[in-house]
Amino acid sequence: MRDTLPHQGGQRGIGTPQQLRAHLHGFAAAGVDQVIFIQQGGKNRHTHICESLEIFAAQVMPEFKEREEERQRQKMEALAPYLAEAMQRKQYMRPLSEAEVPVCEAYGLSIAQTDEATLDVATRQRREQLRRIAEAAQKT
């Protein structure tokens, strides 16, 4: 796959909007439909990161957004035979009856019912917060 990606400006998300669009088109042609930019790495200032995101949103994303519906349609069309085959192999569980649905005690309730003398400070504080929340909920 690496050989199918472009090797010009815009690599690693760095370059002009035009260079980045060309780079992302290379990814799209290779079948990549999601990328992650890590702009907060290094000594980038917050204002510069925000400016870059604004430029990306205004000058790069629209072209890809316009094509998203068609890309998604083509992807699902290509995946359809594999999805159908997988779904034929799928073994469905029978639905659970009401009696089979497990009842799990909420964490907050288990803390609230614990002997306070055995709790550490942070847990005691959480317990007190939960008690206040429970009281407020009962009032409404």
Protein backbone atom coordinates (compact mmCIF):
# COMPACT_ATOMS: atom_id res chain seq x y z
CA MET A 1 0.00 0.00 0.00
CA ARG A 2 2.84 2.40 0.79
CA ASP A 3 3.90 2.36 -2.87
CA THR A 4 0.49 3.63 -3.95
CA LEU A 5 0.68 6.77 -1.80
CA PRO A 6 1.96 10.05 -3.27
CA HIS A 7 5.45 11.35 -2.47
CA GLN A 8 5.14 15.12 -2.83
CA GLY A 9 4.32 18.09 -0.59
CA GLY A 10 1.48 17.53 1.81
CA GLN A 11 3.05 14.41 3.26
CA ARG A 12 2.26 13.77 6.88
CA GLY A 13 -0.36 16.52 6.72
CA ILE A 14 2.21 19.28 6.19
CA GLY A 15 1.98 21.65 3.25
CA THR A 16 -0.39 23.98 1.48
CA PRO A 17 -4.08 23.12 1.27
CA GLN A 18 -3.53 22.14 -2.39
CA GLN A 19 -0.62 19.83 -1.45
CA LEU A 20 -2.60 18.29 1.38
CA ARG A 21 -5.62 17.68 -0.88
CA ALA A 22 -3.34 15.90 -3.37
CA HIS A 23 -1.83 13.82 -0.56
CA LEU A 24 -5.24 12.87 0.81
CA HIS A 25 -6.43 11.94 -2.70
CA GLY A 26 -3.54 9.47 -2.75
CA PHE A 27 -4.79 7.95 0.48
CA ALA A 28 -8.33 7.81 -0.91
CA ALA A 29 -7.11 6.09 -4.07
CA ALA A 30 -5.37 3.50 -1.88
CA GLY A 31 -8.65 2.85 -0.02
CA VAL A 32 -7.90 4.83 3.16
CA ASP A 33 -11.02 6.63 4.35
CA GLN A 34 -9.87 8.00 7.71
CA VAL A 35 -6.76 9.89 8.79
CA ILE A 36 -5.64 11.34 12.09
CA PHE A 37 -3.57 14.49 12.36
CA ILE A 38 -1.62 14.95 15.58
CA GLN A 39 -1.15 18.70 15.56
CA GLN A 40 -0.58 19.12 19.27
CA GLY A 41 2.81 17.38 19.06
CA GLY A 42 5.96 19.43 19.44
CA LYS A 43 6.01 23.14 20.15
CA ASN A 44 2.92 24.11 18.17
CA ARG A 45 1.00 26.94 19.78
CA HIS A 46 -2.70 26.50 20.39
CA THR A 47 -3.55 29.46 18.15
CA HIS A 48 -1.54 27.96 15.29
CA ILE A 49 -3.24 24.59 15.72
CA CYS A 50 -6.66 26.30 15.61
CA GLU A 51 -5.65 28.29 12.52
CA SER A 52 -4.52 25.09 10.78
CA LEU A 53 -7.77 23.35 11.63
CA GLU A 54 -9.77 26.29 10.33
CA ILE A 55 -7.82 26.29 7.04
CA PHE A 56 -8.25 22.51 6.76
CA ALA A 57 -11.99 22.78 7.39
CA ALA A 58 -12.44 25.63 4.92
CA GLN A 59 -10.06 24.67 2.12
CA VAL A 60 -9.46 20.91 2.24
CA MET A 61 -12.43 19.14 3.79
CA PRO A 62 -15.21 20.45 1.53
CA GLU A 63 -13.87 18.62 -1.52
CA PHE A 64 -13.83 15.31 0.38
CA LYS A 65 -17.19 15.96 2.03
CA GLU A 66 -18.78 16.45 -1.41
CA ARG A 67 -17.59 12.98 -2.41
CA GLU A 68 -18.33 11.23 0.90
CA GLU A 69 -21.76 9.87 -0.02
CA GLU A 70 -20.47 8.34 -3.26
CA ARG A 71 -17.35 6.96 -1.49
CA GLN A 72 -19.52 5.35 1.18
CA ARG A 73 -21.82 3.86 -1.46
CA GLN A 74 -18.85 2.38 -3.35
CA LYS A 75 -17.34 1.03 -0.13
CA MET A 76 -20.56 -0.69 0.90
CA GLU A 77 -21.01 -2.06 -2.62
CA ALA A 78 -17.49 -3.53 -2.54
CA LEU A 79 -18.03 -4.96 0.95
CA ALA A 80 -21.55 -6.31 0.27
CA PRO A 81 -20.57 -9.87 -0.72
CA TYR A 82 -18.26 -10.20 2.31
CA LEU A 83 -20.87 -8.78 4.68
CA ALA A 84 -23.54 -11.11 3.29
CA GLU A 85 -21.25 -14.11 3.69
CA ALA A 86 -20.35 -13.12 7.25
CA MET A 87 -24.00 -12.62 8.18
CA GLN A 88 -24.85 -16.10 6.83
CA ARG A 89 -22.25 -17.58 9.19
CA LYS A 90 -23.44 -15.54 12.15
CA GLN A 91 -25.04 -17.58 14.90
CA TYR A 92 -27.67 -15.51 16.64
CA MET A 93 -28.36 -15.93 20.34
CA ARG A 94 -31.91 -16.56 21.38
CA PRO A 95 -33.42 -13.55 23.16
CA LEU A 96 -33.16 -13.61 26.94
CA SER A 97 -36.30 -13.84 29.01
CA GLU A 98 -36.89 -11.24 31.73
CA ALA A 99 -35.79 -13.77 34.36
CA GLU A 100 -32.49 -14.36 32.55
CA VAL A 101 -31.45 -10.71 32.45
CA PRO A 102 -28.86 -10.30 35.21
CA VAL A 103 -29.36 -7.65 37.86
CA CYS A 104 -26.17 -5.77 38.68
CA GLU A 105 -25.85 -3.50 41.68
CA ALA A 106 -24.77 0.00 40.77
CA TYR A 107 -21.31 1.03 41.95
CA GLY A 108 -22.69 4.12 43.66
CA LEU A 109 -25.19 2.06 45.62
CA SER A 110 -22.54 -0.40 46.76
CA ILE A 111 -20.38 2.46 48.05
CA ALA A 112 -23.35 4.08 49.78
CA GLN A 113 -24.07 0.84 51.65
CA THR A 114 -20.49 0.32 52.83
CA ASP A 115 -19.36 1.00 56.41
CA GLU A 116 -17.84 4.49 56.26
CA ALA A 117 -15.08 3.58 58.72
CA THR A 118 -13.57 1.20 56.16
CA LEU A 119 -13.43 3.77 53.32
CA ASP A 120 -10.50 5.93 52.30
CA VAL A 121 -10.94 9.72 52.10
CA ALA A 122 -11.56 9.88 48.33
CA THR A 123 -14.19 7.14 48.50
CA ARG A 124 -15.88 8.86 51.45
CA GLN A 125 -16.03 12.06 49.40
CA ARG A 126 -17.56 10.18 46.45
CA ARG A 127 -20.03 8.55 48.83
CA GLU A 128 -21.08 11.96 50.13
CA GLN A 129 -21.48 13.27 46.59
CA LEU A 130 -23.62 10.27 45.68
CA ARG A 131 -25.74 10.78 48.79
CA ARG A 132 -26.38 14.42 47.84
CA ILE A 133 -27.21 13.41 44.27
CA ALA A 134 -29.63 10.74 45.53
CA GLU A 135 -31.31 13.26 47.85
CA ALA A 136 -31.67 15.76 45.03
CA ALA A 137 -33.12 13.09 42.76
CA GLN A 138 -35.69 12.11 45.38
CA LYS A 139 -36.83 15.73 45.70
CA THR A 140 -37.65 15.98 41.99
